[in-house]
Amino acid sequence: MGYINRFIHSITRTQLETTKFGFYLLSPILIMYYVGLDTDKKFNLPGFWPDPATLNQIPKEPHEIQAEVARIRKARAEKRARLEAKAKELGITEEDADEKE
């Protein structure tokens, strides 16, 4: 016990600050190193990520892009027609909308 007491009293402020600095510097690095190893094994949750086959695929070929643009335009036109029909049913006209602005 006396040896430990002498050791604690013989540490200078510089040695203490150097030790603290080393601890503060190495702690996050060691934690990142531990977490970074075998992440598939540690954090594996089956079924967490969706199957790539069920995700949206970005078109890359020109004909695929044109087909996608045509599909989007058709969907917008259908939505616009549906909203116009609903507005007509409710008695809302374009003139009413212009007056509000």
N, C-alpha and C. Protein backbone atom coordinates (compact mmCIF):
# COMPACT_ATOMS: atom_id res chain seq x y z
N MET A 1 0.82 -1.18 0.00
CA MET A 1 0.00 0.00 0.00
C MET A 1 0.87 1.25 0.00
N GLY A 2 1.99 1.20 0.72
CA GLY A 2 2.89 2.35 0.78
C GLY A 2 3.51 2.64 -0.59
N TYR A 3 3.76 1.58 -1.36
CA TYR A 3 4.35 1.75 -2.67
C TYR A 3 3.39 2.50 -3.60
N ILE A 4 2.11 2.14 -3.57
CA ILE A 4 1.10 2.80 -4.40
C ILE A 4 0.99 4.27 -3.99
N ASN A 5 1.01 4.54 -2.70
CA ASN A 5 0.94 5.91 -2.20
C ASN A 5 2.12 6.74 -2.71
N ARG A 6 3.33 6.16 -2.65
CA ARG A 6 4.51 6.87 -3.14
C ARG A 6 4.41 7.08 -4.64
N PHE A 7 3.88 6.09 -5.37
CA PHE A 7 3.76 6.19 -6.83
C PHE A 7 2.79 7.31 -7.22
N ILE A 8 1.67 7.40 -6.55
CA ILE A 8 0.69 8.43 -6.85
C ILE A 8 1.26 9.82 -6.57
N HIS A 9 2.02 9.97 -5.48
CA HIS A 9 2.58 11.27 -5.14
C HIS A 9 3.77 11.64 -6.02
N SER A 10 4.38 10.64 -6.69
CA SER A 10 5.55 10.94 -7.51
C SER A 10 5.16 11.32 -8.94
N ILE A 11 3.87 11.19 -9.32
CA ILE A 11 3.42 11.56 -10.66
C ILE A 11 3.36 13.08 -10.74
N THR A 12 4.00 13.63 -11.75
CA THR A 12 3.97 15.08 -11.92
C THR A 12 2.74 15.47 -12.73
N ARG A 13 2.46 16.76 -12.73
CA ARG A 13 1.29 17.27 -13.46
C ARG A 13 1.44 16.99 -14.96
N THR A 14 2.66 17.10 -15.49
CA THR A 14 2.90 16.85 -16.91
C THR A 14 2.59 15.39 -17.25
N GLN A 15 3.03 14.49 -16.41
CA GLN A 15 2.77 13.07 -16.66
C GLN A 15 1.27 12.79 -16.61
N LEU A 16 0.58 13.41 -15.67
CA LEU A 16 -0.86 13.21 -15.55
C LEU A 16 -1.58 13.74 -16.79
N GLU A 17 -1.21 14.94 -17.23
CA GLU A 17 -1.85 15.53 -18.40
C GLU A 17 -1.55 14.70 -19.65
N THR A 18 -0.35 14.18 -19.78
CA THR A 18 0.02 13.34 -20.92
C THR A 18 -0.80 12.05 -20.91
N THR A 19 -0.97 11.46 -19.74
CA THR A 19 -1.76 10.24 -19.60
C THR A 19 -3.22 10.51 -19.96
N LYS A 20 -3.77 11.61 -19.46
CA LYS A 20 -5.16 11.96 -19.78
C LYS A 20 -5.33 12.19 -21.28
N PHE A 21 -4.37 12.91 -21.88
CA PHE A 21 -4.44 13.17 -23.31
C PHE A 21 -4.43 11.86 -24.09
N GLY A 22 -3.54 10.95 -23.72
CA GLY A 22 -3.48 9.65 -24.39
C GLY A 22 -4.78 8.88 -24.25
N PHE A 23 -5.37 8.93 -23.06
CA PHE A 23 -6.64 8.24 -22.83
C PHE A 23 -7.75 8.85 -23.68
N TYR A 24 -7.83 10.20 -23.67
CA TYR A 24 -8.87 10.88 -24.43
C TYR A 24 -8.70 10.65 -25.93
N LEU A 25 -7.46 10.53 -26.38
CA LEU A 25 -7.20 10.33 -27.80
C LEU A 25 -7.47 8.89 -28.22
N LEU A 26 -7.07 7.94 -27.41
CA LEU A 26 -7.18 6.54 -27.81
C LEU A 26 -8.56 5.93 -27.55
N SER A 27 -9.30 6.45 -26.58
CA SER A 27 -10.62 5.87 -26.28
C SER A 27 -11.54 5.84 -27.49
N PRO A 28 -11.79 6.97 -28.18
CA PRO A 28 -12.69 6.91 -29.34
C PRO A 28 -12.13 6.05 -30.47
N ILE A 29 -10.81 6.07 -30.63
CA ILE A 29 -10.20 5.26 -31.69
C ILE A 29 -10.42 3.78 -31.41
N LEU A 30 -10.23 3.36 -30.17
CA LEU A 30 -10.43 1.95 -29.82
C LEU A 30 -11.90 1.55 -29.93
N ILE A 31 -12.80 2.45 -29.56
CA ILE A 31 -14.23 2.15 -29.69
C ILE A 31 -14.59 2.00 -31.15
N MET A 32 -14.11 2.91 -32.00
CA MET A 32 -14.40 2.81 -33.44
C MET A 32 -13.79 1.54 -34.02
N TYR A 33 -12.60 1.16 -33.56
CA TYR A 33 -11.96 -0.06 -34.03
C TYR A 33 -12.79 -1.28 -33.64
N TYR A 34 -13.27 -1.30 -32.40
CA TYR A 34 -14.09 -2.43 -31.93
C TYR A 34 -15.40 -2.52 -32.72
N VAL A 35 -16.06 -1.39 -32.89
CA VAL A 35 -17.34 -1.39 -33.59
C VAL A 35 -17.14 -1.73 -35.06
N GLY A 36 -16.03 -1.31 -35.64
CA GLY A 36 -15.79 -1.52 -37.06
C GLY A 36 -15.45 -2.94 -37.43
N LEU A 37 -15.05 -3.77 -36.48
CA LEU A 37 -14.70 -5.15 -36.79
C LEU A 37 -15.94 -6.04 -36.81
N ASP A 38 -16.12 -6.81 -37.83
CA ASP A 38 -17.21 -7.79 -37.95
C ASP A 38 -18.58 -7.16 -37.69
N THR A 39 -18.86 -6.07 -38.35
CA THR A 39 -20.14 -5.42 -38.13
C THR A 39 -21.29 -6.28 -38.63
N ASP A 40 -21.03 -7.11 -39.63
CA ASP A 40 -22.08 -7.99 -40.12
C ASP A 40 -22.53 -8.96 -39.02
N LYS A 41 -21.58 -9.43 -38.24
CA LYS A 41 -21.90 -10.37 -37.17
C LYS A 41 -22.54 -9.67 -35.98
N LYS A 42 -22.03 -8.49 -35.62
CA LYS A 42 -22.51 -7.80 -34.42
C LYS A 42 -23.88 -7.16 -34.61
N PHE A 43 -24.08 -6.53 -35.77
CA PHE A 43 -25.30 -5.76 -35.97
C PHE A 43 -26.22 -6.36 -37.02
N ASN A 44 -26.16 -7.66 -37.20
CA ASN A 44 -26.95 -8.30 -38.25
C ASN A 44 -28.40 -8.47 -37.78
N LEU A 45 -29.31 -7.79 -38.46
CA LEU A 45 -30.74 -7.95 -38.20
C LEU A 45 -31.39 -8.50 -39.47
N PRO A 46 -31.73 -9.79 -39.49
CA PRO A 46 -32.31 -10.35 -40.70
C PRO A 46 -33.61 -9.63 -41.06
N GLY A 47 -33.74 -9.30 -42.34
CA GLY A 47 -34.94 -8.65 -42.83
C GLY A 47 -34.97 -7.15 -42.59
N PHE A 48 -33.89 -6.56 -42.07
CA PHE A 48 -33.89 -5.12 -41.80
C PHE A 48 -33.85 -4.33 -43.10
N TRP A 49 -32.94 -4.70 -44.00
CA TRP A 49 -32.83 -4.01 -45.28
C TRP A 49 -33.75 -4.67 -46.29
N PRO A 50 -34.42 -3.88 -47.13
CA PRO A 50 -35.32 -4.47 -48.13
C PRO A 50 -34.54 -5.24 -49.20
N ASP A 51 -35.22 -6.17 -49.82
CA ASP A 51 -34.62 -6.95 -50.88
C ASP A 51 -34.37 -6.04 -52.08
N PRO A 52 -33.17 -6.05 -52.66
CA PRO A 52 -32.89 -5.16 -53.79
C PRO A 52 -33.84 -5.35 -54.98
N ALA A 53 -34.39 -6.53 -55.12
CA ALA A 53 -35.30 -6.77 -56.24
C ALA A 53 -36.62 -6.00 -56.08
N THR A 54 -36.98 -5.65 -54.84
CA THR A 54 -38.24 -4.94 -54.61
C THR A 54 -38.09 -3.42 -54.65
N LEU A 55 -36.85 -2.93 -54.78
CA LEU A 55 -36.62 -1.49 -54.79
C LEU A 55 -36.82 -0.92 -56.18
N ASN A 56 -36.99 0.40 -56.24
CA ASN A 56 -37.10 1.07 -57.53
C ASN A 56 -35.76 0.97 -58.26
N GLN A 57 -35.83 0.64 -59.53
CA GLN A 57 -34.63 0.56 -60.34
C GLN A 57 -34.53 1.82 -61.19
N ILE A 58 -33.39 2.46 -61.19
CA ILE A 58 -33.19 3.68 -61.97
C ILE A 58 -32.96 3.28 -63.42
N PRO A 59 -33.75 3.85 -64.35
CA PRO A 59 -33.53 3.50 -65.76
C PRO A 59 -32.22 4.10 -66.25
N LYS A 60 -31.48 3.30 -67.03
CA LYS A 60 -30.18 3.73 -67.52
C LYS A 60 -30.14 3.83 -69.05
N GLU A 61 -30.92 3.01 -69.72
CA GLU A 61 -30.95 3.01 -71.18
C GLU A 61 -31.90 4.10 -71.67
N PRO A 62 -31.61 4.71 -72.83
CA PRO A 62 -32.47 5.79 -73.35
C PRO A 62 -33.92 5.38 -73.53
N HIS A 63 -34.17 4.16 -74.02
CA HIS A 63 -35.57 3.75 -74.21
C HIS A 63 -36.28 3.54 -72.87
N GLU A 64 -35.54 3.09 -71.85
CA GLU A 64 -36.13 2.95 -70.52
C GLU A 64 -36.47 4.31 -69.93
N ILE A 65 -35.59 5.29 -70.14
CA ILE A 65 -35.83 6.65 -69.63
C ILE A 65 -37.06 7.24 -70.30
N GLN A 66 -37.16 7.08 -71.63
CA GLN A 66 -38.32 7.60 -72.37
C GLN A 66 -39.61 6.94 -71.89
N ALA A 67 -39.57 5.64 -71.65
CA ALA A 67 -40.76 4.94 -71.16
C ALA A 67 -41.15 5.45 -69.77
N GLU A 68 -40.18 5.70 -68.91
CA GLU A 68 -40.47 6.21 -67.57
C GLU A 68 -41.05 7.62 -67.62
N VAL A 69 -40.49 8.47 -68.48
CA VAL A 69 -41.02 9.84 -68.63
C VAL A 69 -42.45 9.78 -69.15
N ALA A 70 -42.72 8.90 -70.10
CA ALA A 70 -44.08 8.76 -70.64
C ALA A 70 -45.04 8.28 -69.55
N ARG A 71 -44.59 7.35 -68.71
CA ARG A 71 -45.44 6.85 -67.62
C ARG A 71 -45.75 7.97 -66.63
N ILE A 72 -44.75 8.79 -66.30
CA ILE A 72 -44.96 9.89 -65.35
C ILE A 72 -45.92 10.91 -65.93
N ARG A 73 -45.74 11.26 -67.22
CA ARG A 73 -46.65 12.23 -67.86
C ARG A 73 -48.08 11.71 -67.89
N LYS A 74 -48.23 10.41 -68.17
CA LYS A 74 -49.57 9.82 -68.21
C LYS A 74 -50.22 9.87 -66.82
N ALA A 75 -49.43 9.57 -65.79
CA ALA A 75 -49.96 9.60 -64.42
C ALA A 75 -50.36 11.02 -64.03
N ARG A 76 -49.55 12.01 -64.41
CA ARG A 76 -49.88 13.40 -64.11
C ARG A 76 -51.16 13.82 -64.83
N ALA A 77 -51.29 13.43 -66.11
CA ALA A 77 -52.48 13.80 -66.88
C ALA A 77 -53.73 13.18 -66.25
N GLU A 78 -53.63 11.91 -65.83
CA GLU A 78 -54.77 11.24 -65.18
C GLU A 78 -55.13 11.93 -63.87
N LYS A 79 -54.13 12.30 -63.10
CA LYS A 79 -54.39 12.99 -61.83
C LYS A 79 -55.03 14.35 -62.07
N ARG A 80 -54.52 15.07 -63.08
CA ARG A 80 -55.08 16.38 -63.39
C ARG A 80 -56.54 16.26 -63.82
N ALA A 81 -56.83 15.26 -64.69
CA ALA A 81 -58.21 15.05 -65.15
C ALA A 81 -59.11 14.70 -63.97
N ARG A 82 -58.62 13.87 -63.06
CA ARG A 82 -59.40 13.47 -61.89
C ARG A 82 -59.69 14.68 -60.99
N LEU A 83 -58.66 15.55 -60.78
CA LEU A 83 -58.85 16.73 -59.95
C LEU A 83 -59.77 17.75 -60.63
N GLU A 84 -59.66 17.89 -61.94
CA GLU A 84 -60.55 18.81 -62.66
C GLU A 84 -61.99 18.34 -62.58
N ALA A 85 -62.19 17.02 -62.70
CA ALA A 85 -63.55 16.47 -62.59
C ALA A 85 -64.11 16.70 -61.19
N LYS A 86 -63.28 16.52 -60.19
CA LYS A 86 -63.73 16.74 -58.81
C LYS A 86 -64.05 18.22 -58.57
N ALA A 87 -63.21 19.12 -59.12
CA ALA A 87 -63.45 20.56 -58.98
C ALA A 87 -64.74 20.95 -59.70
N LYS A 88 -64.96 20.37 -60.88
CA LYS A 88 -66.19 20.66 -61.63
C LYS A 88 -67.41 20.18 -60.85
N GLU A 89 -67.27 19.02 -60.22
CA GLU A 89 -68.34 18.45 -59.41
C GLU A 89 -68.68 19.36 -58.23
N LEU A 90 -67.64 20.00 -57.65
CA LEU A 90 -67.83 20.90 -56.51
C LEU A 90 -68.19 22.32 -56.95
N GLY A 91 -68.15 22.58 -58.24
CA GLY A 91 -68.51 23.89 -58.75
C GLY A 91 -67.39 24.90 -58.69
N ILE A 92 -66.15 24.45 -58.66
CA ILE A 92 -64.99 25.34 -58.63
C ILE A 92 -64.51 25.56 -60.06
N THR A 93 -64.32 26.82 -60.44
CA THR A 93 -63.82 27.12 -61.78
C THR A 93 -62.47 27.82 -61.67
N GLU A 94 -61.80 27.98 -62.82
CA GLU A 94 -60.50 28.65 -62.83
C GLU A 94 -60.65 30.11 -62.46
N GLU A 95 -61.74 30.71 -62.82
CA GLU A 95 -61.96 32.12 -62.51
C GLU A 95 -62.03 32.33 -61.01
N ASP A 96 -62.67 31.38 -60.28
CA ASP A 96 -62.73 31.47 -58.84
C ASP A 96 -61.33 31.45 -58.22
N ALA A 97 -60.47 30.59 -58.79
CA ALA A 97 -59.11 30.48 -58.28
C ALA A 97 -58.31 31.74 -58.57
N ASP A 98 -58.54 32.34 -59.74
CA ASP A 98 -57.82 33.57 -60.09
C ASP A 98 -58.23 34.73 -59.19
N GLU A 99 -59.51 34.79 -58.81
CA GLU A 99 -59.97 35.86 -57.96
C GLU A 99 -59.36 35.80 -56.56
N LYS A 100 -59.12 34.60 -56.09
CA LYS A 100 -58.56 34.43 -54.74
C LYS A 100 -57.10 34.88 -54.68
N GLU A 101 -56.40 34.79 -55.78
CA GLU A 101 -54.99 35.19 -55.80
C GLU A 101 -54.90 36.64 -55.87
